[in-house]
Amino acid sequence: MADTQQVDDSKQAAKAERRAARLAKEIGAFARAHGGAEAQIAYIGHEGTRIVLVGEDGGWGDLVAPTYAVAQSAVEKAGITVHEDFAGEFAAKVKTGPYEWKRMAGIQIGGPSND
């Protein structure tokens, strides 16, 4: 029975490693497209862990990893700076456009009525 557990653990570790490598490739592509990138990792519950990416040009995006460990491994493999929180100079780099402002305003005020 112990051998079966070791095989299952090995398979899970290999799967996590492959997922981290795929995420690292995506992070690298984002960084190349935006003149570099920095990240912040945030646990989002059962769904996994969110990797928020901010490019040097102000472009931003995010990816979701199945676990915090996979997210950490992915950003380490990509070789980008990781911030503890989404604040200060890091957050100030984000450039938003009309779409984001319209969407945020619609959520806050003037959005669909719940009546």
N, C-alpha and C. Protein backbone atom coordinates (compact mmCIF):
# COMPACT_ATOMS: atom_id res chain seq x y z
N MET A 1 0.82 -1.19 0.00
CA MET A 1 0.00 0.00 0.00
C MET A 1 0.87 1.25 0.00
N ALA A 2 2.00 1.20 0.67
CA ALA A 2 2.89 2.36 0.72
C ALA A 2 3.43 2.68 -0.67
N ASP A 3 3.70 1.61 -1.48
CA ASP A 3 4.19 1.84 -2.83
C ASP A 3 3.17 2.58 -3.68
N THR A 4 1.89 2.25 -3.52
CA THR A 4 0.83 2.92 -4.26
C THR A 4 0.78 4.40 -3.90
N GLN A 5 0.93 4.70 -2.61
CA GLN A 5 0.92 6.09 -2.16
C GLN A 5 2.08 6.86 -2.75
N GLN A 6 3.26 6.24 -2.81
CA GLN A 6 4.43 6.91 -3.38
C GLN A 6 4.24 7.19 -4.86
N VAL A 7 3.63 6.27 -5.58
CA VAL A 7 3.37 6.45 -7.00
C VAL A 7 2.38 7.60 -7.18
N ASP A 8 1.31 7.63 -6.37
CA ASP A 8 0.32 8.70 -6.45
C ASP A 8 0.97 10.05 -6.14
N ASP A 9 1.81 10.09 -5.10
CA ASP A 9 2.51 11.34 -4.74
C ASP A 9 3.43 11.78 -5.87
N SER A 10 4.12 10.84 -6.48
CA SER A 10 5.01 11.16 -7.59
C SER A 10 4.24 11.71 -8.78
N LYS A 11 3.10 11.11 -9.07
CA LYS A 11 2.27 11.58 -10.17
C LYS A 11 1.75 12.99 -9.90
N GLN A 12 1.32 13.22 -8.66
CA GLN A 12 0.82 14.56 -8.29
C GLN A 12 1.93 15.60 -8.38
N ALA A 13 3.11 15.25 -7.93
CA ALA A 13 4.25 16.17 -7.99
C ALA A 13 4.62 16.48 -9.44
N ALA A 14 4.61 15.46 -10.29
CA ALA A 14 4.94 15.66 -11.70
C ALA A 14 3.88 16.54 -12.37
N LYS A 15 2.62 16.31 -12.03
CA LYS A 15 1.53 17.11 -12.59
C LYS A 15 1.67 18.58 -12.16
N ALA A 16 1.98 18.81 -10.89
CA ALA A 16 2.17 20.17 -10.38
C ALA A 16 3.35 20.84 -11.07
N GLU A 17 4.42 20.09 -11.29
CA GLU A 17 5.60 20.63 -11.96
C GLU A 17 5.28 21.03 -13.40
N ARG A 18 4.52 20.21 -14.10
CA ARG A 18 4.13 20.54 -15.48
C ARG A 18 3.24 21.77 -15.51
N ARG A 19 2.33 21.87 -14.56
CA ARG A 19 1.44 23.04 -14.50
C ARG A 19 2.24 24.31 -14.22
N ALA A 20 3.20 24.23 -13.30
CA ALA A 20 4.04 25.39 -12.98
C ALA A 20 4.85 25.80 -14.21
N ALA A 21 5.36 24.83 -14.96
CA ALA A 21 6.15 25.13 -16.16
C ALA A 21 5.29 25.82 -17.21
N ARG A 22 4.04 25.36 -17.39
CA ARG A 22 3.14 26.00 -18.37
C ARG A 22 2.82 27.42 -17.94
N LEU A 23 2.54 27.62 -16.66
CA LEU A 23 2.26 28.97 -16.16
C LEU A 23 3.48 29.87 -16.32
N ALA A 24 4.66 29.34 -16.07
CA ALA A 24 5.89 30.12 -16.22
C ALA A 24 6.06 30.57 -17.67
N LYS A 25 5.72 29.71 -18.62
CA LYS A 25 5.80 30.10 -20.04
C LYS A 25 4.83 31.24 -20.33
N GLU A 26 3.63 31.15 -19.78
CA GLU A 26 2.64 32.22 -19.99
C GLU A 26 3.10 33.52 -19.34
N ILE A 27 3.67 33.42 -18.16
CA ILE A 27 4.19 34.61 -17.47
C ILE A 27 5.32 35.21 -18.29
N GLY A 28 6.21 34.38 -18.79
CA GLY A 28 7.31 34.86 -19.61
C GLY A 28 6.83 35.55 -20.87
N ALA A 29 5.81 35.00 -21.51
CA ALA A 29 5.24 35.61 -22.72
C ALA A 29 4.64 36.97 -22.39
N PHE A 30 3.94 37.05 -21.26
CA PHE A 30 3.37 38.33 -20.82
C PHE A 30 4.49 39.34 -20.59
N ALA A 31 5.52 38.93 -19.89
CA ALA A 31 6.64 39.82 -19.58
C ALA A 31 7.31 40.33 -20.86
N ARG A 32 7.51 39.45 -21.82
CA ARG A 32 8.13 39.87 -23.08
C ARG A 32 7.23 40.87 -23.82
N ALA A 33 5.94 40.65 -23.80
CA ALA A 33 5.00 41.52 -24.51
C ALA A 33 4.85 42.88 -23.84
N HIS A 34 5.20 42.98 -22.56
CA HIS A 34 4.96 44.22 -21.81
C HIS A 34 6.24 44.84 -21.26
N GLY A 35 7.37 44.48 -21.82
CA GLY A 35 8.63 45.09 -21.41
C GLY A 35 9.10 44.70 -20.03
N GLY A 36 8.68 43.56 -19.56
CA GLY A 36 8.99 43.08 -18.22
C GLY A 36 7.72 42.97 -17.41
N ALA A 37 7.79 42.31 -16.27
CA ALA A 37 6.60 42.15 -15.45
C ALA A 37 6.97 41.91 -13.99
N GLU A 38 6.03 42.20 -13.13
CA GLU A 38 6.11 41.90 -11.70
C GLU A 38 4.81 41.22 -11.34
N ALA A 39 4.78 40.55 -10.19
CA ALA A 39 3.60 39.79 -9.82
C ALA A 39 3.25 39.92 -8.35
N GLN A 40 2.04 39.54 -8.05
CA GLN A 40 1.57 39.38 -6.67
C GLN A 40 0.75 38.10 -6.66
N ILE A 41 0.96 37.28 -5.65
CA ILE A 41 0.27 36.00 -5.54
C ILE A 41 -0.74 36.09 -4.41
N ALA A 42 -1.98 35.65 -4.68
CA ALA A 42 -3.02 35.72 -3.66
C ALA A 42 -3.86 34.45 -3.67
N TYR A 43 -3.99 33.82 -2.53
CA TYR A 43 -4.84 32.63 -2.38
C TYR A 43 -6.29 33.07 -2.54
N ILE A 44 -7.05 32.41 -3.40
CA ILE A 44 -8.45 32.80 -3.63
C ILE A 44 -9.43 31.72 -3.18
N GLY A 45 -8.99 30.81 -2.37
CA GLY A 45 -9.89 29.80 -1.84
C GLY A 45 -9.83 28.50 -2.63
N HIS A 46 -10.92 27.81 -2.65
CA HIS A 46 -11.02 26.50 -3.28
C HIS A 46 -10.59 26.53 -4.74
N GLU A 47 -10.81 27.67 -5.41
CA GLU A 47 -10.49 27.80 -6.82
C GLU A 47 -9.00 27.78 -7.09
N GLY A 48 -8.19 28.12 -6.09
CA GLY A 48 -6.74 28.10 -6.29
C GLY A 48 -6.07 29.37 -5.83
N THR A 49 -5.08 29.78 -6.60
CA THR A 49 -4.26 30.94 -6.27
C THR A 49 -4.12 31.83 -7.50
N ARG A 50 -4.35 33.11 -7.30
CA ARG A 50 -4.30 34.08 -8.40
C ARG A 50 -2.92 34.70 -8.49
N ILE A 51 -2.39 34.74 -9.70
CA ILE A 51 -1.13 35.42 -9.98
C ILE A 51 -1.48 36.68 -10.77
N VAL A 52 -1.37 37.84 -10.14
CA VAL A 52 -1.64 39.10 -10.82
C VAL A 52 -0.33 39.59 -11.42
N LEU A 53 -0.35 39.87 -12.71
CA LEU A 53 0.83 40.32 -13.43
C LEU A 53 0.66 41.78 -13.83
N VAL A 54 1.70 42.57 -13.64
CA VAL A 54 1.70 43.96 -14.07
C VAL A 54 2.95 44.18 -14.91
N GLY A 55 2.74 44.60 -16.15
CA GLY A 55 3.85 44.85 -17.06
C GLY A 55 4.47 46.21 -16.83
N GLU A 56 5.68 46.37 -17.31
CA GLU A 56 6.37 47.66 -17.20
C GLU A 56 5.63 48.76 -17.95
N ASP A 57 4.83 48.39 -18.96
CA ASP A 57 4.06 49.37 -19.72
C ASP A 57 2.71 49.66 -19.10
N GLY A 58 2.42 49.07 -17.94
CA GLY A 58 1.14 49.30 -17.26
C GLY A 58 0.07 48.28 -17.60
N GLY A 59 0.33 47.44 -18.60
CA GLY A 59 -0.62 46.39 -18.93
C GLY A 59 -0.69 45.38 -17.79
N TRP A 60 -1.83 44.77 -17.62
CA TRP A 60 -1.96 43.82 -16.52
C TRP A 60 -2.84 42.65 -16.94
N GLY A 61 -2.73 41.60 -16.17
CA GLY A 61 -3.51 40.41 -16.41
C GLY A 61 -3.35 39.47 -15.22
N ASP A 62 -4.02 38.36 -15.28
CA ASP A 62 -3.86 37.40 -14.19
C ASP A 62 -4.00 35.98 -14.70
N LEU A 63 -3.48 35.08 -13.90
CA LEU A 63 -3.55 33.65 -14.15
C LEU A 63 -3.99 32.99 -12.85
N VAL A 64 -4.56 31.81 -12.94
CA VAL A 64 -4.94 31.08 -11.74
C VAL A 64 -4.21 29.75 -11.72
N ALA A 65 -3.53 29.50 -10.61
CA ALA A 65 -2.83 28.24 -10.39
C ALA A 65 -3.67 27.39 -9.44
N PRO A 66 -3.54 26.08 -9.52
CA PRO A 66 -4.36 25.23 -8.64
C PRO A 66 -3.99 25.34 -7.16
N THR A 67 -2.72 25.66 -6.86
CA THR A 67 -2.28 25.78 -5.47
C THR A 67 -1.30 26.94 -5.35
N TYR A 68 -1.10 27.37 -4.11
CA TYR A 68 -0.14 28.44 -3.85
C TYR A 68 1.28 27.98 -4.22
N ALA A 69 1.60 26.73 -3.91
CA ALA A 69 2.93 26.21 -4.23
C ALA A 69 3.20 26.22 -5.73
N VAL A 70 2.21 25.86 -6.53
CA VAL A 70 2.37 25.88 -7.98
C VAL A 70 2.57 27.32 -8.46
N ALA A 71 1.81 28.26 -7.90
CA ALA A 71 1.95 29.67 -8.28
C ALA A 71 3.36 30.17 -7.95
N GLN A 72 3.84 29.86 -6.75
CA GLN A 72 5.19 30.28 -6.35
C GLN A 72 6.24 29.69 -7.29
N SER A 73 6.10 28.43 -7.59
CA SER A 73 7.04 27.76 -8.48
C SER A 73 7.03 28.42 -9.86
N ALA A 74 5.85 28.76 -10.36
CA ALA A 74 5.73 29.36 -11.69
C ALA A 74 6.43 30.72 -11.75
N VAL A 75 6.22 31.58 -10.76
CA VAL A 75 6.86 32.90 -10.81
C VAL A 75 8.37 32.78 -10.61
N GLU A 76 8.80 31.81 -9.80
CA GLU A 76 10.24 31.58 -9.64
C GLU A 76 10.86 31.14 -10.96
N LYS A 77 10.20 30.21 -11.66
CA LYS A 77 10.69 29.73 -12.95
C LYS A 77 10.73 30.86 -13.97
N ALA A 78 9.75 31.77 -13.90
CA ALA A 78 9.69 32.89 -14.84
C ALA A 78 10.72 33.97 -14.50
N GLY A 79 11.21 33.96 -13.27
CA GLY A 79 12.25 34.91 -12.87
C GLY A 79 11.78 36.34 -12.71
N ILE A 80 10.54 36.53 -12.27
CA ILE A 80 10.05 37.89 -12.09
C ILE A 80 9.93 38.24 -10.61
N THR A 81 9.89 39.52 -10.32
CA THR A 81 9.75 40.01 -8.95
C THR A 81 8.35 39.74 -8.45
N VAL A 82 8.24 39.28 -7.21
CA VAL A 82 6.95 39.02 -6.60
C VAL A 82 6.78 39.96 -5.40
N HIS A 83 5.64 40.63 -5.33
CA HIS A 83 5.33 41.54 -4.23
C HIS A 83 4.42 40.86 -3.22
N GLU A 84 4.57 41.24 -1.96
CA GLU A 84 3.75 40.67 -0.89
C GLU A 84 2.28 41.08 -1.02
N ASP A 85 2.05 42.33 -1.43
CA ASP A 85 0.67 42.79 -1.57
C ASP A 85 0.55 43.67 -2.80
N PHE A 86 -0.68 43.96 -3.15
CA PHE A 86 -0.95 44.76 -4.33
C PHE A 86 -1.20 46.18 -3.87
N ALA A 87 -0.11 46.91 -3.66
CA ALA A 87 -0.22 48.27 -3.12
C ALA A 87 0.97 49.09 -3.57
N GLY A 88 0.93 50.37 -3.21
CA GLY A 88 2.05 51.27 -3.43
C GLY A 88 2.44 51.43 -4.88
N GLU A 89 3.76 51.52 -5.10
CA GLU A 89 4.30 51.76 -6.44
C GLU A 89 3.92 50.63 -7.41
N PHE A 90 3.84 49.41 -6.90
CA PHE A 90 3.46 48.28 -7.74
C PHE A 90 2.05 48.47 -8.30
N ALA A 91 1.10 48.77 -7.45
CA ALA A 91 -0.28 48.97 -7.88
C ALA A 91 -0.40 50.20 -8.77
N ALA A 92 0.41 51.22 -8.50
CA ALA A 92 0.34 52.46 -9.28
C ALA A 92 0.79 52.26 -10.73
N LYS A 93 1.50 51.18 -11.02
CA LYS A 93 1.95 50.90 -12.39
C LYS A 93 0.78 50.51 -13.31
N VAL A 94 -0.31 50.02 -12.73
CA VAL A 94 -1.43 49.53 -13.53
C VAL A 94 -2.11 50.68 -14.27
N LYS A 95 -2.26 50.52 -15.57
CA LYS A 95 -2.97 51.50 -16.38
C LYS A 95 -4.32 50.91 -16.76
N THR A 96 -5.36 51.64 -16.45
CA THR A 96 -6.70 51.18 -16.81
C THR A 96 -7.23 52.04 -17.94
N GLY A 97 -8.07 51.46 -18.72
CA GLY A 97 -8.67 52.15 -19.86
C GLY A 97 -10.16 52.35 -19.67
N PRO A 98 -10.83 52.82 -20.69
CA PRO A 98 -12.27 53.09 -20.61
C PRO A 98 -13.09 51.85 -20.23
N TYR A 99 -12.67 50.69 -20.74
CA TYR A 99 -13.41 49.46 -20.42
C TYR A 99 -13.45 49.22 -18.92
N GLU A 100 -12.29 49.30 -18.27
CA GLU A 100 -12.22 49.03 -16.84
C GLU A 100 -13.02 50.06 -16.05
N TRP A 101 -12.89 51.35 -16.41
CA TRP A 101 -13.62 52.39 -15.69
C TRP A 101 -15.11 52.22 -15.86
N LYS A 102 -15.55 51.90 -17.07
CA LYS A 102 -16.97 51.70 -17.31
C LYS A 102 -17.48 50.51 -16.51
N ARG A 103 -16.71 49.45 -16.52
CA ARG A 103 -17.11 48.24 -15.78
C ARG A 103 -17.15 48.51 -14.28
N MET A 104 -16.12 49.18 -13.74
CA MET A 104 -16.11 49.48 -12.30
C MET A 104 -17.26 50.39 -11.93
N ALA A 105 -17.52 51.41 -12.75
CA ALA A 105 -18.61 52.33 -12.46
C ALA A 105 -19.95 51.62 -12.52
N GLY A 106 -20.10 50.70 -13.45
CA GLY A 106 -21.35 49.96 -13.57
C GLY A 106 -21.60 49.08 -12.36
N ILE A 107 -20.54 48.59 -11.77
CA ILE A 107 -20.69 47.76 -10.58
C ILE A 107 -21.05 48.62 -9.38
N GLN A 108 -20.42 49.79 -9.29
CA GLN A 108 -20.59 50.64 -8.12
C GLN A 108 -21.84 51.50 -8.19
N ILE A 109 -22.00 52.22 -9.29
CA ILE A 109 -23.15 53.12 -9.45
C ILE A 109 -23.71 52.99 -10.86
N GLY A 110 -24.99 53.11 -10.97
CA GLY A 110 -25.59 53.09 -12.28
C GLY A 110 -25.65 51.73 -12.94
N GLY A 111 -25.29 50.71 -12.22
CA GLY A 111 -25.36 49.36 -12.77
C GLY A 111 -26.79 48.85 -12.76
N PRO A 112 -26.97 47.64 -13.18
CA PRO A 112 -28.32 47.06 -13.21
C PRO A 112 -28.96 47.08 -11.82
N SER A 113 -30.23 47.36 -11.82
CA SER A 113 -30.98 47.40 -10.56
C SER A 113 -31.25 45.99 -10.06
N ASN A 114 -31.19 45.83 -8.77
CA ASN A 114 -31.49 44.52 -8.16
C ASN A 114 -32.94 44.43 -7.73
N ASP A 115 -33.76 45.37 -8.14
CA ASP A 115 -35.18 45.38 -7.72
C ASP A 115 -35.96 44.29 -8.38
